[in-house]
N, C-alpha and C. Protein backbone atom coordinates (compact mmCIF):
# COMPACT_ATOMS: atom_id res chain seq x y z
N UNK A 1 34.28 -30.78 18.50
CA UNK A 1 33.36 -29.55 18.41
C UNK A 1 32.45 -29.83 17.34
N UNK A 2 31.25 -29.11 17.73
CA UNK A 2 30.36 -29.24 16.53
C UNK A 2 30.42 -28.58 15.34
N UNK A 3 30.06 -29.24 14.08
CA UNK A 3 30.66 -28.74 12.82
C UNK A 3 29.84 -27.21 12.66
N UNK A 4 28.58 -27.02 13.33
CA UNK A 4 27.91 -25.88 13.17
C UNK A 4 28.75 -24.62 13.85
N UNK A 5 29.56 -24.86 14.95
CA UNK A 5 30.29 -23.88 15.74
C UNK A 5 31.42 -23.82 15.32
N UNK A 6 32.22 -24.56 14.37
CA UNK A 6 33.42 -24.57 14.16
C UNK A 6 33.92 -23.29 13.28
N UNK A 7 32.97 -22.77 12.33
CA UNK A 7 33.12 -21.37 11.73
C UNK A 7 33.25 -20.29 12.79
N UNK A 8 32.58 -20.50 13.87
CA UNK A 8 32.48 -19.23 14.81
C UNK A 8 33.59 -19.30 15.93
N UNK A 9 34.62 -20.18 15.74
CA UNK A 9 35.73 -20.45 16.47
C UNK A 9 36.83 -19.23 16.13
N UNK A 10 36.97 -18.24 16.92
CA UNK A 10 37.93 -17.07 16.57
C UNK A 10 38.95 -17.16 17.40
N UNK A 11 40.17 -17.33 16.70
CA UNK A 11 41.33 -17.39 17.47
C UNK A 11 42.29 -16.15 17.34
N UNK A 12 43.45 -16.31 17.67
CA UNK A 12 44.60 -15.08 17.58
C UNK A 12 44.78 -14.92 16.12
N UNK A 13 44.91 -15.72 15.19
CA UNK A 13 45.15 -15.50 13.74
C UNK A 13 44.19 -14.74 13.19
N UNK A 14 42.76 -15.10 13.52
CA UNK A 14 41.61 -14.51 12.89
C UNK A 14 41.52 -13.04 13.36
N UNK A 15 41.78 -12.99 14.59
CA UNK A 15 41.74 -11.52 15.20
C UNK A 15 42.74 -10.60 14.55
N UNK A 16 44.04 -11.04 14.40
CA UNK A 16 45.11 -10.26 13.75
C UNK A 16 44.58 -9.88 12.33
N UNK A 17 44.14 -11.01 11.55
CA UNK A 17 43.56 -10.78 10.35
C UNK A 17 42.51 -9.54 10.36
N UNK A 18 41.55 -9.59 10.99
CA UNK A 18 40.64 -8.44 11.24
C UNK A 18 41.14 -7.30 11.42
N UNK A 19 42.20 -7.28 12.50
CA UNK A 19 42.80 -5.85 12.85
C UNK A 19 43.42 -5.27 11.52
N UNK A 20 44.13 -6.19 10.90
CA UNK A 20 44.81 -5.70 9.64
C UNK A 20 43.98 -5.13 8.62
N UNK A 21 42.68 -5.92 8.32
CA UNK A 21 41.65 -5.41 7.26
C UNK A 21 41.17 -4.20 7.78
N UNK A 22 40.74 -3.90 9.02
CA UNK A 22 40.29 -2.77 9.58
C UNK A 22 41.24 -1.68 9.24
N UNK A 23 42.41 -1.58 9.57
CA UNK A 23 43.48 -0.76 9.46
C UNK A 23 43.57 -0.37 7.95
N UNK A 24 43.64 -1.28 7.27
CA UNK A 24 43.62 -1.24 5.47
C UNK A 24 42.20 -0.23 5.10
N UNK A 25 41.21 -0.62 5.82
CA UNK A 25 39.98 0.03 5.20
C UNK A 25 39.79 1.44 5.85
N UNK A 26 40.26 1.57 7.23
CA UNK A 26 39.97 2.83 7.59
C UNK A 26 41.03 3.81 7.81
N UNK A 27 42.20 3.19 7.79
CA UNK A 27 43.53 3.99 8.28
C UNK A 27 43.65 4.21 9.68
N UNK A 28 44.85 4.63 10.02
CA UNK A 28 45.17 4.67 11.39
C UNK A 28 44.56 5.84 12.06
N UNK A 29 44.34 6.84 11.40
CA UNK A 29 43.82 8.19 11.80
C UNK A 29 42.26 8.20 12.22
N UNK A 30 41.69 7.34 11.55
CA UNK A 30 40.26 7.35 11.35
C UNK A 30 39.76 6.32 12.66
N UNK A 31 40.58 5.23 13.05
CA UNK A 31 39.86 4.56 13.89
C UNK A 31 39.66 5.01 15.40
N UNK A 32 40.55 5.99 15.83
CA UNK A 32 40.20 6.67 17.27
C UNK A 32 38.96 7.19 17.27
N UNK A 33 38.67 7.88 16.24
CA UNK A 33 37.40 8.62 16.02
C UNK A 33 36.13 7.78 15.81
N UNK A 34 36.35 6.53 15.28
CA UNK A 34 35.22 5.55 15.01
C UNK A 34 34.97 4.86 16.50
N UNK A 35 36.03 4.74 17.19
CA UNK A 35 36.06 4.02 18.59
C UNK A 35 35.27 5.01 19.55
N UNK A 36 35.65 6.31 19.47
CA UNK A 36 34.98 7.43 20.22
C UNK A 36 33.60 7.42 20.05
N UNK A 37 33.21 7.31 18.64
CA UNK A 37 31.92 7.30 18.34
C UNK A 37 31.09 5.99 18.83
N UNK A 38 31.82 4.96 18.77
CA UNK A 38 31.08 3.54 19.23
C UNK A 38 31.07 3.55 20.84
N UNK A 39 31.87 4.34 21.63
CA UNK A 39 31.95 4.19 23.18
C UNK A 39 30.67 5.15 23.32
N UNK A 40 30.55 6.54 22.81
CA UNK A 40 29.47 7.45 23.01
C UNK A 40 28.11 6.74 22.82
N UNK A 41 28.14 5.96 21.87
CA UNK A 41 26.80 5.10 21.32
C UNK A 41 26.42 4.19 22.40
N UNK A 42 27.36 3.56 22.85
CA UNK A 42 27.11 2.44 24.00
C UNK A 42 26.78 3.26 25.28
N UNK A 43 27.20 4.43 25.42
CA UNK A 43 26.99 4.97 26.72
C UNK A 43 25.63 5.60 26.83
N UNK A 44 25.24 6.20 25.44
CA UNK A 44 23.72 6.63 25.37
C UNK A 44 22.74 5.40 25.40
N UNK A 45 23.21 4.29 24.99
CA UNK A 45 22.11 3.12 25.01
C UNK A 45 22.10 2.69 26.55
N UNK A 46 23.22 2.73 27.17
CA UNK A 46 23.05 2.35 28.63
C UNK A 46 22.22 3.14 29.38
N UNK A 47 22.32 4.77 29.17
CA UNK A 47 21.75 5.80 29.75
C UNK A 47 20.31 5.51 29.38
N UNK A 48 19.91 5.29 28.40
CA UNK A 48 18.50 5.04 28.03
C UNK A 48 17.82 3.95 28.42
N UNK A 49 18.56 2.98 28.47
CA UNK A 49 18.00 1.55 29.14
C UNK A 49 17.83 2.05 30.53
N UNK A 50 18.65 2.52 31.39
CA UNK A 50 18.54 2.93 32.72
C UNK A 50 17.51 3.88 32.89
N UNK A 51 17.35 4.67 32.05
CA UNK A 51 16.05 5.74 32.33
C UNK A 51 14.78 4.88 31.95
N UNK A 52 14.82 3.98 31.14
CA UNK A 52 13.55 3.15 30.91
C UNK A 52 13.39 2.29 32.05
N UNK A 53 14.27 1.73 32.75
CA UNK A 53 14.16 1.00 33.82
C UNK A 53 13.58 1.96 35.11
N UNK A 54 14.06 2.97 35.27
CA UNK A 54 13.42 3.91 36.20
C UNK A 54 12.27 4.26 36.12
N UNK A 55 11.82 4.71 34.72
CA UNK A 55 10.37 4.97 34.16
C UNK A 55 9.46 3.68 34.56
N UNK A 56 9.95 2.63 34.31
CA UNK A 56 9.11 1.49 34.60
C UNK A 56 8.85 1.26 35.76
N UNK A 57 9.94 1.28 36.72
CA UNK A 57 9.80 1.13 38.06
C UNK A 57 9.00 2.28 38.75
N UNK A 58 8.96 3.46 38.40
CA UNK A 58 8.15 4.25 39.09
C UNK A 58 6.84 4.22 38.59
N UNK A 59 6.54 3.90 37.39
CA UNK A 59 5.16 3.85 37.15
C UNK A 59 4.48 2.65 37.65
N UNK A 60 5.24 1.50 37.75
CA UNK A 60 4.84 0.37 38.56
C UNK A 60 4.36 0.66 40.04
N UNK A 61 5.22 1.75 40.66
CA UNK A 61 4.84 1.85 41.96
C UNK A 61 3.70 2.86 42.15
N UNK A 62 3.64 3.70 40.99
CA UNK A 62 2.42 4.60 40.96
C UNK A 62 1.16 3.86 40.76
N UNK A 63 1.16 2.76 39.97
CA UNK A 63 0.11 2.10 39.78
C UNK A 63 -0.30 1.30 40.94
N UNK A 64 0.55 0.76 41.86
CA UNK A 64 0.33 0.28 43.07
C UNK A 64 -0.27 1.18 43.90
N UNK A 65 0.11 2.27 43.97
CA UNK A 65 -0.51 3.47 44.82
C UNK A 65 -1.89 3.77 44.45
N UNK A 66 -2.25 3.82 43.21
CA UNK A 66 -3.60 4.02 42.77
C UNK A 66 -4.56 2.88 42.96
N UNK A 67 -4.04 1.69 42.95
CA UNK A 67 -4.90 0.51 43.28
C UNK A 67 -5.20 0.27 44.56
N UNK A 68 -4.19 0.88 45.65
CA UNK A 68 -4.57 0.60 47.11
C UNK A 68 -5.49 1.46 47.50
N UNK A 69 -6.66 0.85 47.92
CA UNK A 69 -7.98 1.84 48.36
C UNK A 69 -7.65 2.48 49.94
N UNK A 70 -6.63 2.50 50.45
CA UNK A 70 -6.46 2.77 52.01
C UNK A 70 -6.73 4.25 51.89
């Protein structure tokens, strides 16, 4: 394995350590609220990117209609 990639290798012991640290910092009651907020943020991001794709597609098809002199 490359020496640069070695610190990025995350295994089971590192994941357990991260979970323990998160539990100690936030506590058991706060984590579901944080995950709920993270999930809603991801959902809003996906919806916004989907709307942006729809807008781009419709504006591109509108531009084609304007350029077509038929």
